[in-house]
Amino acid sequence: MTSSDFSKAFKQLEKKPAKLKKYMKHNAPKERSCGRAKKKCVLTGRVGGHVSKYGLQVCRQAFRENANSLGFKQYNWG
C-alpha cells in the first residue's frame, strides 16, 4: 500500500473512531529498522535512487533540481 492510499483511507475513517482504530491496527505502514524503505528522500519522500553521500539524503531527481543551490557544479562532457 502506498502512502497516498493510506492517507486517503485515513481521511475517510476520521468520523468513525472504532473502525479507524481497527484499520490502524492492521493496515498502518510499519516502522522499518533496516532495508531500502528506511531511507527516504527528505524533499519528496521517494525511496528509490537515494543519494546519501555527504549527508544529502535526497533522491536523484531532487538532487538534479537542487544541485546548484547545494553547491555542486554541472560539467558538460560532450
PDB file of N, CA and C in Angstrom:
ATOM      1  N   MET A   1       0.846  -1.177   0.000  1.00  0.00           N
ATOM      2  CA  MET A   1       0.000   0.000   0.000  1.00  0.00           C
ATOM      3  C   MET A   1       0.886   1.231   0.000  1.00  0.00           C
ATOM      4  N   THR A   2       0.567   2.156  -0.846  1.00  0.00           N
ATOM      5  CA  THR A   2       1.353   3.381  -0.912  1.00  0.00           C
ATOM      6  C   THR A   2       0.914   4.354   0.172  1.00  0.00           C
ATOM      7  N   SER A   3       1.738   5.336   0.413  1.00  0.00           N
ATOM      8  CA  SER A   3       1.420   6.289   1.470  1.00  0.00           C
ATOM      9  C   SER A   3       0.198   7.126   1.112  1.00  0.00           C
ATOM     10  N   SER A   4      -0.020   7.382  -0.181  1.00  0.00           N
ATOM     11  CA  SER A   4      -1.189   8.168  -0.567  1.00  0.00           C
ATOM     12  C   SER A   4      -2.477   7.388  -0.315  1.00  0.00           C
ATOM     13  N   ASP A   5      -2.464   6.076  -0.569  1.00  0.00           N
ATOM     14  CA  ASP A   5      -3.636   5.253  -0.290  1.00  0.00           C
ATOM     15  C   ASP A   5      -3.922   5.220   1.202  1.00  0.00           C
ATOM     16  N   PHE A   6      -2.870   5.145   2.010  1.00  0.00           N
ATOM     17  CA  PHE A   6      -3.020   5.101   3.457  1.00  0.00           C
ATOM     18  C   PHE A   6      -3.673   6.375   3.972  1.00  0.00           C
ATOM     19  N   SER A   7      -3.206   7.526   3.502  1.00  0.00           N
ATOM     20  CA  SER A   7      -3.762   8.793   3.979  1.00  0.00           C
ATOM     21  C   SER A   7      -5.180   9.009   3.472  1.00  0.00           C
ATOM     22  N   LYS A   8      -5.492   8.488   2.277  1.00  0.00           N
ATOM     23  CA  LYS A   8      -6.835   8.633   1.732  1.00  0.00           C
ATOM     24  C   LYS A   8      -7.842   7.847   2.580  1.00  0.00           C
ATOM     25  N   ALA A   9      -7.486   6.627   2.934  1.00  0.00           N
ATOM     26  CA  ALA A   9      -8.367   5.804   3.763  1.00  0.00           C
ATOM     27  C   ALA A   9      -8.471   6.401   5.157  1.00  0.00           C
ATOM     28  N   PHE A  10      -7.378   6.935   5.664  1.00  0.00           N
ATOM     29  CA  PHE A  10      -7.383   7.562   6.981  1.00  0.00           C
ATOM     30  C   PHE A  10      -8.342   8.740   7.006  1.00  0.00           C
ATOM     31  N   LYS A  11      -8.382   9.519   5.938  1.00  0.00           N
ATOM     32  CA  LYS A  11      -9.268  10.676   5.849  1.00  0.00           C
ATOM     33  C   LYS A  11     -10.738  10.251   5.862  1.00  0.00           C
ATOM     34  N   GLN A  12     -11.028   9.132   5.198  1.00  0.00           N
ATOM     35  CA  GLN A  12     -12.410   8.663   5.124  1.00  0.00           C
ATOM     36  C   GLN A  12     -12.902   8.111   6.456  1.00  0.00           C
ATOM     37  N   LEU A  13     -11.985   7.588   7.271  1.00  0.00           N
ATOM     38  CA  LEU A  13     -12.378   6.958   8.533  1.00  0.00           C
ATOM     39  C   LEU A  13     -12.280   7.898   9.733  1.00  0.00           C
ATOM     40  N   GLU A  14     -12.004   9.165   9.527  1.00  0.00           N
ATOM     41  CA  GLU A  14     -11.862  10.104  10.641  1.00  0.00           C
ATOM     42  C   GLU A  14     -13.113  10.179  11.510  1.00  0.00           C
ATOM     43  N   LYS A  15     -14.278  10.039  10.906  1.00  0.00           N
ATOM     44  CA  LYS A  15     -15.527  10.196  11.651  1.00  0.00           C
ATOM     45  C   LYS A  15     -16.027   8.896  12.262  1.00  0.00           C
ATOM     46  N   LYS A  16     -15.272   7.799  12.065  1.00  0.00           N
ATOM     47  CA  LYS A  16     -15.652   6.502  12.618  1.00  0.00           C
ATOM     48  C   LYS A  16     -14.491   5.992  13.478  1.00  0.00           C
ATOM     49  N   PRO A  17     -14.426   6.402  14.757  1.00  0.00           N
ATOM     50  CA  PRO A  17     -13.252   6.100  15.570  1.00  0.00           C
ATOM     51  C   PRO A  17     -13.006   4.607  15.804  1.00  0.00           C
ATOM     52  N   ALA A  18     -14.039   3.806  15.933  1.00  0.00           N
ATOM     53  CA  ALA A  18     -13.846   2.374  16.168  1.00  0.00           C
ATOM     54  C   ALA A  18     -13.242   1.700  14.942  1.00  0.00           C
ATOM     55  N   LYS A  19     -13.765   2.036  13.767  1.00  0.00           N
ATOM     56  CA  LYS A  19     -13.235   1.459  12.537  1.00  0.00           C
ATOM     57  C   LYS A  19     -11.835   1.982  12.244  1.00  0.00           C
ATOM     58  N   LEU A  20     -11.577   3.247  12.583  1.00  0.00           N
ATOM     59  CA  LEU A  20     -10.262   3.825  12.385  1.00  0.00           C
ATOM     60  C   LEU A  20      -9.218   3.115  13.243  1.00  0.00           C
ATOM     61  N   LYS A  21      -9.558   2.815  14.486  1.00  0.00           N
ATOM     62  CA  LYS A  21      -8.645   2.122  15.385  1.00  0.00           C
ATOM     63  C   LYS A  21      -8.307   0.734  14.846  1.00  0.00           C
ATOM     64  N   LYS A  22      -9.315   0.015  14.377  1.00  0.00           N
ATOM     65  CA  LYS A  22      -9.085  -1.316  13.818  1.00  0.00           C
ATOM     66  C   LYS A  22      -8.259  -1.226  12.542  1.00  0.00           C
ATOM     67  N   TYR A  23      -8.539  -0.230  11.708  1.00  0.00           N
ATOM     68  CA  TYR A  23      -7.793  -0.034  10.470  1.00  0.00           C
ATOM     69  C   TYR A  23      -6.324   0.248  10.768  1.00  0.00           C
ATOM     70  N   MET A  24      -6.083   1.116  11.735  1.00  0.00           N
ATOM     71  CA  MET A  24      -4.713   1.465  12.096  1.00  0.00           C
ATOM     72  C   MET A  24      -3.970   0.257  12.655  1.00  0.00           C
ATOM     73  N   LYS A  25      -4.660  -0.591  13.381  1.00  0.00           N
ATOM     74  CA  LYS A  25      -4.023  -1.762  13.967  1.00  0.00           C
ATOM     75  C   LYS A  25      -3.522  -2.717  12.886  1.00  0.00           C
ATOM     76  N   HIS A  26      -4.300  -2.909  11.832  1.00  0.00           N
ATOM     77  CA  HIS A  26      -3.978  -3.914  10.837  1.00  0.00           C
ATOM     78  C   HIS A  26      -3.329  -3.368   9.565  1.00  0.00           C
ATOM     79  N   ASN A  27      -3.498  -2.107   9.246  1.00  0.00           N
ATOM     80  CA  ASN A  27      -3.065  -1.601   7.947  1.00  0.00           C
ATOM     81  C   ASN A  27      -2.055  -0.463   7.978  1.00  0.00           C
ATOM     82  N   ALA A  28      -1.655  -0.012   9.145  1.00  0.00           N
ATOM     83  CA  ALA A  28      -0.690   1.084   9.203  1.00  0.00           C
ATOM     84  C   ALA A  28       0.669   0.612   8.698  1.00  0.00           C
ATOM     85  N   PRO A  29       1.380   1.440   7.934  1.00  0.00           N
ATOM     86  CA  PRO A  29       2.713   1.034   7.494  1.00  0.00           C
ATOM     87  C   PRO A  29       3.631   0.892   8.700  1.00  0.00           C
ATOM     88  N   LYS A  30       4.414  -0.190   8.729  1.00  0.00           N
ATOM     89  CA  LYS A  30       5.244  -0.442   9.897  1.00  0.00           C
ATOM     90  C   LYS A  30       6.552   0.342   9.826  1.00  0.00           C
ATOM     91  N   GLU A  31       7.112   0.602  10.977  1.00  0.00           N
ATOM     92  CA  GLU A  31       8.400   1.276  11.048  1.00  0.00           C
ATOM     93  C   GLU A  31       9.481   0.299  10.619  1.00  0.00           C
ATOM     94  N   ARG A  32      10.374   0.752   9.769  1.00  0.00           N
ATOM     95  CA  ARG A  32      11.436  -0.099   9.249  1.00  0.00           C
ATOM     96  C   ARG A  32      12.694   0.069  10.096  1.00  0.00           C
ATOM     97  N   SER A  33      13.369  -1.063  10.367  1.00  0.00           N
ATOM     98  CA  SER A  33      14.621  -0.992  11.108  1.00  0.00           C
ATOM     99  C   SER A  33      15.817  -1.064  10.177  1.00  0.00           C
ATOM    100  N   CYS A  34      15.620  -1.597   8.976  1.00  0.00           N
ATOM    101  CA  CYS A  34      16.698  -1.687   8.007  1.00  0.00           C
ATOM    102  C   CYS A  34      16.074  -1.861   6.624  1.00  0.00           C
ATOM    103  N   GLY A  35      16.908  -1.788   5.602  1.00  0.00           N
ATOM    104  CA  GLY A  35      16.427  -2.027   4.253  1.00  0.00           C
ATOM    105  C   GLY A  35      16.264  -0.760   3.441  1.00  0.00           C
ATOM    106  N   ARG A  36      15.825  -0.965   2.216  1.00  0.00           N
ATOM    107  CA  ARG A  36      15.721   0.121   1.246  1.00  0.00           C
ATOM    108  C   ARG A  36      14.651   1.142   1.624  1.00  0.00           C
ATOM    109  N   ALA A  37      13.556   0.685   2.202  1.00  0.00           N
ATOM    110  CA  ALA A  37      12.441   1.584   2.502  1.00  0.00           C
ATOM    111  C   ALA A  37      12.709   2.495   3.692  1.00  0.00           C
ATOM    112  N   LYS A  38      13.774   2.250   4.436  1.00  0.00           N
ATOM    113  CA  LYS A  38      14.093   3.108   5.580  1.00  0.00           C
ATOM    114  C   LYS A  38      14.652   4.451   5.130  1.00  0.00           C
ATOM    115  N   LYS A  39      15.407   4.442   4.029  1.00  0.00           N
ATOM    116  CA  LYS A  39      15.991   5.683   3.516  1.00  0.00           C
ATOM    117  C   LYS A  39      15.008   6.351   2.572  1.00  0.00           C
ATOM    118  N   LYS A  40      14.471   7.480   2.991  1.00  0.00           N
ATOM    119  CA  LYS A  40      13.552   8.236   2.146  1.00  0.00           C
ATOM    120  C   LYS A  40      14.144   9.602   1.856  1.00  0.00           C
ATOM    121  N   CYS A  41      13.753  10.144   0.727  1.00  0.00           N
ATOM    122  CA  CYS A  41      14.178  11.488   0.354  1.00  0.00           C
ATOM    123  C   CYS A  41      13.514  12.493   1.306  1.00  0.00           C
ATOM    124  N   VAL A  42      14.296  13.429   1.821  1.00  0.00           N
ATOM    125  CA  VAL A  42      13.735  14.404   2.744  1.00  0.00           C
ATOM    126  C   VAL A  42      12.877  15.440   2.029  1.00  0.00           C
ATOM    127  N   LEU A  43      13.053  15.577   0.714  1.00  0.00           N
ATOM    128  CA  LEU A  43      12.287  16.563  -0.043  1.00  0.00           C
ATOM    129  C   LEU A  43      11.017  15.981  -0.651  1.00  0.00           C
ATOM    130  N   THR A  44      11.111  14.766  -1.235  1.00  0.00           N
ATOM    131  CA  THR A  44       9.968  14.207  -1.945  1.00  0.00           C
ATOM    132  C   THR A  44       9.366  12.979  -1.291  1.00  0.00           C
ATOM    133  N   GLY A  45      10.104  12.289  -0.438  1.00  0.00           N
ATOM    134  CA  GLY A  45       9.598  11.086   0.212  1.00  0.00           C
ATOM    135  C   GLY A  45       9.803   9.810  -0.587  1.00  0.00           C
ATOM    136  N   ARG A  46      10.498   9.878  -1.719  1.00  0.00           N
ATOM    137  CA  ARG A  46      10.746   8.690  -2.528  1.00  0.00           C
ATOM    138  C   ARG A  46      11.786   7.797  -1.859  1.00  0.00           C
ATOM    139  N   VAL A  47      11.711   6.498  -2.156  1.00  0.00           N
ATOM    140  CA  VAL A  47      12.690   5.564  -1.608  1.00  0.00           C
ATOM    141  C   VAL A  47      13.699   5.117  -2.649  1.00  0.00           C
ATOM    142  N   GLY A  48      13.423   5.259  -3.923  1.00  0.00           N
ATOM    143  CA  GLY A  48      14.324   4.806  -4.975  1.00  0.00           C
ATOM    144  C   GLY A  48      15.307   5.882  -5.387  1.00  0.00           C
ATOM    145  N   GLY A  49      16.495   5.467  -5.836  1.00  0.00           N
ATOM    146  CA  GLY A  49      17.501   6.399  -6.335  1.00  0.00           C
ATOM    147  C   GLY A  49      18.001   7.343  -5.272  1.00  0.00           C
ATOM    148  N   HIS A  50      18.307   6.829  -4.112  1.00  0.00           N
ATOM    149  CA  HIS A  50      18.651   7.643  -2.954  1.00  0.00           C
ATOM    150  C   HIS A  50      20.124   8.024  -2.971  1.00  0.00           C
ATOM    151  N   VAL A  51      20.424   9.320  -2.756  1.00  0.00           N
ATOM    152  CA  VAL A  51      21.794   9.811  -2.686  1.00  0.00           C
ATOM    153  C   VAL A  51      22.065  10.195  -1.237  1.00  0.00           C
ATOM    154  N   SER A  52      22.863   9.370  -0.549  1.00  0.00           N
ATOM    155  CA  SER A  52      23.149   9.662   0.853  1.00  0.00           C
ATOM    156  C   SER A  52      24.569  10.174   1.066  1.00  0.00           C
ATOM    157  N   LYS A  53      25.339  10.275  -0.010  1.00  0.00           N
ATOM    158  CA  LYS A  53      26.711  10.749   0.104  1.00  0.00           C
ATOM    159  C   LYS A  53      26.715  12.201   0.583  1.00  0.00           C
ATOM    160  N   TYR A  54      27.675  12.551   1.408  1.00  0.00           N
ATOM    161  CA  TYR A  54      27.823  13.873   2.008  1.00  0.00           C
ATOM    162  C   TYR A  54      26.630  14.240   2.901  1.00  0.00           C
ATOM    163  N   GLY A  55      25.853  13.253   3.322  1.00  0.00           N
ATOM    164  CA  GLY A  55      24.714  13.520   4.205  1.00  0.00           C
ATOM    165  C   GLY A  55      23.553  14.223   3.529  1.00  0.00           C
ATOM    166  N   LEU A  56      23.399  14.050   2.210  1.00  0.00           N
ATOM    167  CA  LEU A  56      22.350  14.756   1.470  1.00  0.00           C
ATOM    168  C   LEU A  56      20.961  14.188   1.763  1.00  0.00           C
ATOM    169  N   GLN A  57      20.799  12.848   1.734  1.00  0.00           N
ATOM    170  CA  GLN A  57      19.529  12.165   1.988  1.00  0.00           C
ATOM    171  C   GLN A  57      18.409  12.631   1.053  1.00  0.00           C
ATOM    172  N   VAL A  58      18.712  12.713  -0.248  1.00  0.00           N
ATOM    173  CA  VAL A  58      17.713  13.083  -1.245  1.00  0.00           C
ATOM    174  C   VAL A  58      17.707  12.059  -2.371  1.00  0.00           C
ATOM    175  N   CYS A  59      16.619  12.007  -3.129  1.00  0.00           N
ATOM    176  CA  CYS A  59      16.561  11.121  -4.286  1.00  0.00           C
ATOM    177  C   CYS A  59      17.288  11.798  -5.447  1.00  0.00           C
ATOM    178  N   ARG A  60      17.566  11.033  -6.492  1.00  0.00           N
ATOM    179  CA  ARG A  60      18.354  11.576  -7.595  1.00  0.00           C
ATOM    180  C   ARG A  60      17.610  12.676  -8.339  1.00  0.00           C
ATOM    181  N   GLN A  61      16.274  12.595  -8.412  1.00  0.00           N
ATOM    182  CA  GLN A  61      15.508  13.632  -9.107  1.00  0.00           C
ATOM    183  C   GLN A  61      15.578  14.960  -8.346  1.00  0.00           C
ATOM    184  N   ALA A  62      15.446  14.885  -7.022  1.00  0.00           N
ATOM    185  CA  ALA A  62      15.533  16.104  -6.217  1.00  0.00           C
ATOM    186  C   ALA A  62      16.947  16.660  -6.231  1.00  0.00           C
ATOM    187  N   PHE A  63      17.929  15.766  -6.288  1.00  0.00           N
ATOM    188  CA  PHE A  63      19.313  16.228  -6.357  1.00  0.00           C
ATOM    189  C   PHE A  63      19.570  17.006  -7.634  1.00  0.00           C
ATOM    190  N   ARG A  64      19.058  16.513  -8.759  1.00  0.00           N
ATOM    191  CA  ARG A  64      19.262  17.214 -10.037  1.00  0.00           C
ATOM    192  C   ARG A  64      18.627  18.601 -10.020  1.00  0.00           C
ATOM    193  N   GLU A  65      17.470  18.713  -9.388  1.00  0.00           N
ATOM    194  CA  GLU A  65      16.783  20.004  -9.331  1.00  0.00           C
ATOM    195  C   GLU A  65      17.503  20.994  -8.414  1.00  0.00           C
ATOM    196  N   ASN A  66      18.086  20.501  -7.324  1.00  0.00           N
ATOM    197  CA  ASN A  66      18.630  21.380  -6.292  1.00  0.00           C
ATOM    198  C   ASN A  66      20.149  21.359  -6.208  1.00  0.00           C
ATOM    199  N   ALA A  67      20.838  20.774  -7.174  1.00  0.00           N
ATOM    200  CA  ALA A  67      22.290  20.628  -7.095  1.00  0.00           C
ATOM    201  C   ALA A  67      22.999  21.978  -7.053  1.00  0.00           C
ATOM    202  N   ASN A  68      22.562  22.923  -7.848  1.00  0.00           N
ATOM    203  CA  ASN A  68      23.221  24.236  -7.861  1.00  0.00           C
ATOM    204  C   ASN A  68      23.068  24.947  -6.524  1.00  0.00           C
ATOM    205  N   SER A  69      21.907  24.873  -5.927  1.00  0.00           N
ATOM    206  CA  SER A  69      21.701  25.537  -4.635  1.00  0.00           C
ATOM    207  C   SER A  69      22.452  24.829  -3.509  1.00  0.00           C
ATOM    208  N   LEU A  70      22.782  23.541  -3.704  1.00  0.00           N
ATOM    209  CA  LEU A  70      23.556  22.795  -2.708  1.00  0.00           C
ATOM    210  C   LEU A  70      25.052  23.035  -2.863  1.00  0.00           C
ATOM    211  N   GLY A  71      25.471  23.674  -3.965  1.00  0.00           N
ATOM    212  CA  GLY A  71      26.875  23.996  -4.159  1.00  0.00           C
ATOM    213  C   GLY A  71      27.601  23.082  -5.130  1.00  0.00           C
ATOM    214  N   PHE A  72      26.887  22.268  -5.891  1.00  0.00           N
ATOM    215  CA  PHE A  72      27.510  21.392  -6.867  1.00  0.00           C
ATOM    216  C   PHE A  72      27.476  22.063  -8.241  1.00  0.00           C
ATOM    217  N   LYS A  73      28.466  21.753  -9.067  1.00  0.00           N
ATOM    218  CA  LYS A  73      28.531  22.307 -10.402  1.00  0.00           C
ATOM    219  C   LYS A  73      28.308  21.212 -11.415  1.00  0.00           C
ATOM    220  N   GLN A  74      27.649  21.562 -12.520  1.00  0.00           N
ATOM    221  CA  GLN A  74      27.401  20.595 -13.592  1.00  0.00           C
ATOM    222  C   GLN A  74      28.410  20.836 -14.710  1.00  0.00           C
ATOM    223  N   TYR A  75      29.065  19.761 -15.110  1.00  0.00           N
ATOM    224  CA  TYR A  75      30.044  19.850 -16.179  1.00  0.00           C
ATOM    225  C   TYR A  75      29.517  19.141 -17.410  1.00  0.00           C
ATOM    226  N   ASN A  76      29.733  19.728 -18.581  1.00  0.00           N
ATOM    227  CA  ASN A  76      29.340  19.106 -19.845  1.00  0.00           C
ATOM    228  C   ASN A  76      30.470  18.221 -20.338  1.00  0.00           C
ATOM    229  N   TRP A  77      30.128  16.981 -20.684  1.00  0.00           N
ATOM    230  CA  TRP A  77      31.145  16.035 -21.125  1.00  0.00           C
ATOM    231  C   TRP A  77      31.208  15.955 -22.646  1.00  0.00           C
ATOM    232  N   GLY A  78      30.249  16.518 -23.342  1.00  0.00           N
ATOM    233  CA  GLY A  78      30.218  16.351 -24.776  1.00  0.00           C
ATOM    234  C   GLY A  78      30.470  17.590 -25.467  1.00  0.00           C
TER     235      GLY A  78
END
